Amino acid sequence: MSLLAQLVLTALGLSLLAVGGAVAIIPEVHRIAVETRGWLTPERFAELYAISQASPGPNAMLIGLLGWALTGWIGGLLTMLAFVGPTSVIAVLAFRRWAALLPPARQAAIRGALLPVSVGLVASAGVLIPVSLGAGLLVIGVAASVAMLHGTTGTHPLLLLLGGAAIGALAAL
């Protein structure tokens, strides 16, 4: 099977796991692309992830960037379509059914139950990438502190990012 076909099939499968958005499947994308299939090095994966997060647009951009990095622009386009196309149709149909069948209180309860799942999946991505790159405890501690401060105080992320960069610069001295 060609690499492009493997990418498209992988994207189709991953799209069904993306509860809470594309960020929730980053650990699985990493496992497949770096550890299982060896398509990318941990460093290249981190670069593509950083580009996807720094660029405006959906977090799912990582999937398109993965396809592009491995098979060119056609691979990026097909991989992205495979990831967002079918599940977008499923989501619209499911939402229509959901709204018609479930009372609002039940809908709210289900959303509330899915929230910790999504948060846990996103947090695992935040740990996986630094660990796979060999980050030390200082880096992981600063990242965790920034996440907790933002979550509890609402401090603007850029201010916290600058603070983390300052700590990193002082530690490098």
Protein backbone atom coordinates (compact mmCIF):
# COMPACT_ATOMS: atom_id res chain seq x y z
CA MET A 1 0.00 0.00 0.00
CA SER A 2 1.33 3.43 -0.92
CA LEU A 3 2.32 5.94 1.73
CA LEU A 4 -0.47 8.26 0.58
CA ALA A 5 -3.06 5.51 1.00
CA GLN A 6 -1.67 4.72 4.47
CA LEU A 7 -1.91 8.39 5.44
CA VAL A 8 -5.48 8.75 4.20
CA LEU A 9 -6.62 5.57 5.99
CA THR A 10 -4.85 6.64 9.16
CA ALA A 11 -6.50 10.07 9.00
CA LEU A 12 -9.93 8.46 8.53
CA GLY A 13 -9.40 6.29 11.60
CA LEU A 14 -8.04 9.12 13.71
CA SER A 15 -10.94 11.38 12.84
CA LEU A 16 -13.29 9.04 14.68
CA LEU A 17 -11.17 9.37 17.83
CA ALA A 18 -10.99 13.16 17.88
CA VAL A 19 -13.37 13.71 20.79
CA GLY A 20 -12.77 17.27 21.91
CA GLY A 21 -11.03 18.28 18.69
CA ALA A 22 -7.84 17.40 16.88
CA VAL A 23 -5.63 18.33 19.84
CA ALA A 24 -7.10 15.36 21.71
CA ILE A 25 -5.50 12.87 19.31
CA ILE A 26 -1.99 14.35 19.24
CA PRO A 27 -0.56 11.52 21.39
CA GLU A 28 -2.03 8.93 19.03
CA VAL A 29 -0.78 10.79 15.95
CA HIS A 30 2.66 10.91 17.57
CA ARG A 31 2.54 7.20 18.40
CA ILE A 32 1.64 6.28 14.83
CA ALA A 33 3.84 8.75 12.93
CA VAL A 34 6.95 8.56 15.13
CA GLU A 35 6.93 5.38 17.17
CA THR A 36 5.00 2.82 15.10
CA ARG A 37 5.49 3.77 11.45
CA GLY A 38 8.67 5.85 11.76
CA TRP A 39 7.40 8.42 9.28
CA LEU A 40 8.86 11.31 11.30
CA THR A 41 11.53 11.92 13.91
CA PRO A 42 10.34 13.32 17.25
CA GLU A 43 11.96 16.64 16.32
CA ARG A 44 10.17 16.86 12.95
CA PHE A 45 6.86 15.97 14.61
CA ALA A 46 7.40 18.74 17.17
CA GLU A 47 8.15 21.20 14.34
CA LEU A 48 4.93 20.31 12.50
CA TYR A 49 2.99 20.51 15.75
CA ALA A 50 4.46 23.94 16.52
CA ILE A 51 3.55 25.20 13.04
CA SER A 52 -0.01 23.88 13.41
CA GLN A 53 -0.42 25.62 16.76
CA ALA A 54 1.18 28.90 15.75
CA SER A 55 -0.77 29.24 12.51
CA PRO A 56 -4.28 30.60 12.41
CA GLY A 57 -6.89 27.99 11.69
CA PRO A 58 -8.02 24.69 13.10
CA ASN A 59 -5.87 22.44 15.27
CA ALA A 60 -6.53 19.71 12.71
CA MET A 61 -3.94 21.45 10.55
CA LEU A 62 -1.37 19.04 12.02
CA ILE A 63 -2.94 16.21 10.03
CA GLY A 64 -2.66 18.18 6.78
CA LEU A 65 0.92 19.18 7.59
CA LEU A 66 1.78 15.54 8.23
CA GLY A 67 0.41 14.56 4.82
CA TRP A 68 2.20 17.48 3.17
CA ALA A 69 5.54 16.71 4.85
CA LEU A 70 5.43 13.09 3.74
CA THR A 71 3.79 13.20 0.31
CA GLY A 72 3.55 16.81 -0.86
CA TRP A 73 0.62 19.15 -1.24
CA ILE A 74 -1.72 16.53 -2.70
CA GLY A 75 -1.05 14.32 0.32
CA GLY A 76 -1.71 17.23 2.64
CA LEU A 77 -5.01 18.00 0.94
CA LEU A 78 -6.22 14.39 0.80
CA THR A 79 -5.15 13.66 4.35
CA MET A 80 -6.93 16.76 5.63
CA LEU A 81 -10.09 15.95 3.68
CA ALA A 82 -10.02 12.38 5.01
CA PHE A 83 -9.73 13.72 8.55
CA VAL A 84 -12.43 16.40 8.48
CA GLY A 85 -14.81 15.38 5.69
CA PRO A 86 -16.60 12.24 6.86
CA THR A 87 -16.69 13.21 10.53
CA SER A 88 -18.11 16.63 9.67
CA VAL A 89 -21.05 14.93 7.98
CA ILE A 90 -21.44 12.52 10.91
CA ALA A 91 -21.32 15.42 13.39
CA VAL A 92 -24.02 17.40 11.59
CA LEU A 93 -26.32 14.38 11.34
CA ALA A 94 -25.69 13.38 14.96
CA PHE A 95 -26.29 16.92 16.23
CA ARG A 96 -29.61 17.13 14.44
CA ARG A 97 -30.68 13.81 15.94
CA TRP A 98 -29.32 14.74 19.36
CA ALA A 99 -31.24 18.03 19.42
CA ALA A 100 -34.46 16.31 18.41
CA LEU A 101 -34.32 13.36 20.82
CA LEU A 102 -32.63 14.51 24.03
CA PRO A 103 -33.96 17.06 26.47
CA PRO A 104 -31.63 20.00 27.19
CA ALA A 105 -30.77 18.73 30.70
CA ARG A 106 -29.57 15.39 29.30
CA GLN A 107 -27.55 17.18 26.60
CA ALA A 108 -25.84 19.30 29.27
CA ALA A 109 -25.08 16.21 31.37
CA ILE A 110 -23.44 14.44 28.42
CA ARG A 111 -21.36 17.52 27.54
CA GLY A 112 -20.31 17.79 31.16
CA ALA A 113 -19.25 14.13 31.21
CA LEU A 114 -17.17 14.53 28.04
CA LEU A 115 -15.34 17.62 29.29
CA PRO A 116 -12.86 15.79 31.57
CA VAL A 117 -12.15 13.28 28.79
CA SER A 118 -11.27 16.10 26.40
CA VAL A 119 -9.16 17.92 28.99
CA GLY A 120 -7.26 14.73 29.82
CA LEU A 121 -6.52 14.02 26.15
CA VAL A 122 -5.30 17.56 25.56
CA ALA A 123 -3.14 17.46 28.71
CA SER A 124 -1.56 14.20 27.57
CA ALA A 125 -0.49 15.93 24.35
CA GLY A 126 1.09 18.69 26.43
CA VAL A 127 3.17 16.13 28.29
CA LEU A 128 3.98 13.80 25.38
CA ILE A 129 5.76 16.27 23.12
CA PRO A 130 8.24 17.67 25.68
CA VAL A 131 8.97 14.19 27.03
CA SER A 132 9.55 12.76 23.51
CA LEU A 133 12.05 15.56 22.88
CA GLY A 134 13.91 14.81 26.11
CA ALA A 135 12.78 17.92 27.99
CA GLY A 136 13.92 18.12 31.57
CA LEU A 137 11.87 18.61 34.68
CA LEU A 138 12.33 22.39 34.53
CA VAL A 139 10.64 22.60 31.11
CA ILE A 140 7.81 20.31 32.14
CA GLY A 141 7.39 22.16 35.45
CA VAL A 142 7.25 25.56 33.77
CA ALA A 143 4.74 24.29 31.20
CA ALA A 144 2.54 22.78 33.92
CA SER A 145 2.75 25.98 35.98
CA VAL A 146 1.78 28.11 33.00
CA ALA A 147 -1.21 25.87 32.29
CA MET A 148 -2.36 25.96 35.92
CA LEU A 149 -1.90 29.72 36.23
CA HIS A 150 -3.83 30.37 33.07
CA GLY A 151 -6.59 28.00 34.11
CA THR A 152 -6.98 29.41 37.59
CA THR A 153 -6.26 33.12 37.16
CA GLY A 154 -7.15 33.76 33.53
CA THR A 155 -3.83 35.54 32.97
CA HIS A 156 -3.22 36.15 29.29
CA PRO A 157 -1.22 33.24 27.79
CA LEU A 158 1.32 35.56 26.15
CA LEU A 159 2.30 37.02 29.50
CA LEU A 160 2.73 33.53 30.90
CA LEU A 161 4.70 32.51 27.82
CA LEU A 162 7.05 35.45 28.34
CA GLY A 163 7.46 34.44 31.98
CA GLY A 164 8.30 30.88 30.94
CA ALA A 165 10.80 32.14 28.40
CA ALA A 166 12.42 34.31 31.08
CA ILE A 167 12.74 31.33 33.42
CA GLY A 168 14.25 29.28 30.60
CA ALA A 169 16.74 32.04 29.76
CA LEU A 170 17.79 32.39 33.41
CA ALA A 171 18.19 28.62 33.73
CA ALA A 172 20.42 28.57 30.65
CA LEU A 173 22.87 31.05 32.17
